[in-house]
Each structure stands twice: as structure tokens, then as C-alpha cells.
Protein backbone atom coordinates (compact mmCIF):
# COMPACT_ATOMS: atom_id res chain seq x y z
CA UNK A 1 12.85 33.43 -10.47
CA UNK A 2 12.92 30.14 -12.20
CA UNK A 3 12.24 27.06 -9.85
CA UNK A 4 14.01 23.58 -10.61
CA UNK A 5 11.33 21.01 -10.91
CA UNK A 6 11.82 17.87 -9.04
CA UNK A 7 11.28 14.05 -9.87
CA UNK A 8 9.19 11.98 -7.31
CA UNK A 9 8.09 8.49 -7.12
CA UNK A 10 4.55 8.54 -5.95
CA UNK A 11 2.06 6.02 -4.33
CA UNK A 12 -1.53 7.02 -3.94
CA UNK A 13 -4.46 4.73 -2.55
CA UNK A 14 -7.94 5.07 -3.64
CA UNK A 15 -11.38 4.44 -2.31
CA UNK A 16 -12.42 2.72 -5.10
CA UNK A 17 -10.38 1.87 -8.50
CA UNK A 18 -7.61 4.16 -9.42
CA UNK A 19 -8.18 6.47 -12.57
CA UNK A 20 -5.23 4.48 -14.28
CA UNK A 21 -5.77 5.84 -17.91
CA UNK A 22 -6.06 9.42 -17.02
CA UNK A 23 -2.93 9.39 -14.78
CA UNK A 24 -1.12 7.65 -17.59
CA UNK A 25 -2.26 10.41 -19.91
CA UNK A 26 -1.07 13.41 -17.82
CA UNK A 27 2.14 15.17 -18.76
CA UNK A 28 5.46 14.03 -17.05
CA UNK A 29 3.95 10.87 -15.47
CA UNK A 30 5.48 7.56 -16.32
CA UNK A 31 5.47 3.96 -15.36
CA UNK A 32 1.85 3.64 -14.12
CA UNK A 33 1.34 0.52 -12.15
CA UNK A 34 -1.99 -0.58 -10.38
CA UNK A 35 -2.09 -3.10 -7.65
CA UNK A 36 -5.98 -3.16 -6.42
CA UNK A 37 -6.79 0.52 -5.24
CA UNK A 38 -2.93 1.42 -5.06
CA UNK A 39 -1.73 3.29 -8.15
CA UNK A 40 2.25 4.08 -8.45
CA UNK A 41 4.03 6.03 -10.99
CA UNK A 42 7.09 8.55 -11.36
CA UNK A 43 6.45 12.11 -11.98
CA UNK A 44 8.95 14.31 -13.77
CA UNK A 45 8.50 17.85 -13.25
CA UNK A 46 5.25 19.52 -12.05
CA UNK A 47 2.71 17.61 -9.86
CA UNK A 48 -0.32 19.48 -11.59
CA UNK A 49 -1.21 17.51 -14.54
CA UNK A 50 -0.97 14.35 -12.15
CA UNK A 51 -3.44 16.23 -9.56
CA UNK A 52 -5.65 17.25 -12.24
CA UNK A 53 -5.71 13.53 -13.21
CA UNK A 54 -7.00 12.44 -9.90
CA UNK A 55 -10.09 15.09 -9.93
CA UNK A 56 -13.17 13.12 -9.16
CA UNK A 57 -11.30 10.16 -7.35
CA UNK A 58 -11.31 10.00 -3.71
CA UNK A 59 -7.86 9.65 -2.50
CA UNK A 60 -7.04 7.70 1.03
CA UNK A 61 -3.41 8.24 1.05
CA UNK A 62 -0.56 9.83 -1.12
CA UNK A 63 2.83 9.37 -0.53
CA UNK A 64 5.83 10.99 -2.54
CA UNK A 65 9.61 10.26 -2.42
CA UNK A 66 11.94 12.22 -4.27
CA UNK A 67 13.39 10.35 -7.34
CA UNK A 68 15.62 10.38 -10.55
CA UNK A 69 13.52 11.10 -13.57
CA UNK A 70 13.10 8.12 -15.77
């Protein structure tokens, strides 16, 4: 059964510097912005590449809000 992929606006806060470069290179991720230890971006489709880009970074909080793809 095929599942419809969703699109989200995501905000993540890290213990240290965000892995902005890795996140920006992840498939489906656009509009990466960094403000201190906070990273914001859009994810169009699967979260898996985004989550893999976070590997090795300690996340304090993660918020995801359904959005339209950009």
C-alpha cells in the first residue's frame, strides 16, 4: 500500500552547533536556516535522510509542523 508523503516545517535545537551542512545536503530538505544552536528547515517527503543527517549530534528539542512543499 502506497503512503502519501507529507511536508513539514521543522525546528531543532542542539546541545552544540547544528550540523547545517549535512542537513542541507539531505534529500528533500530545503531552506535551511541556523540561529545559534537552532536549525530550521522544510522537509518534503521522507524524514529518513534528515534524521540520518542528525546522526552524531545531540538534539534538545524537535518540533515539526505540517506545511506545504517549497
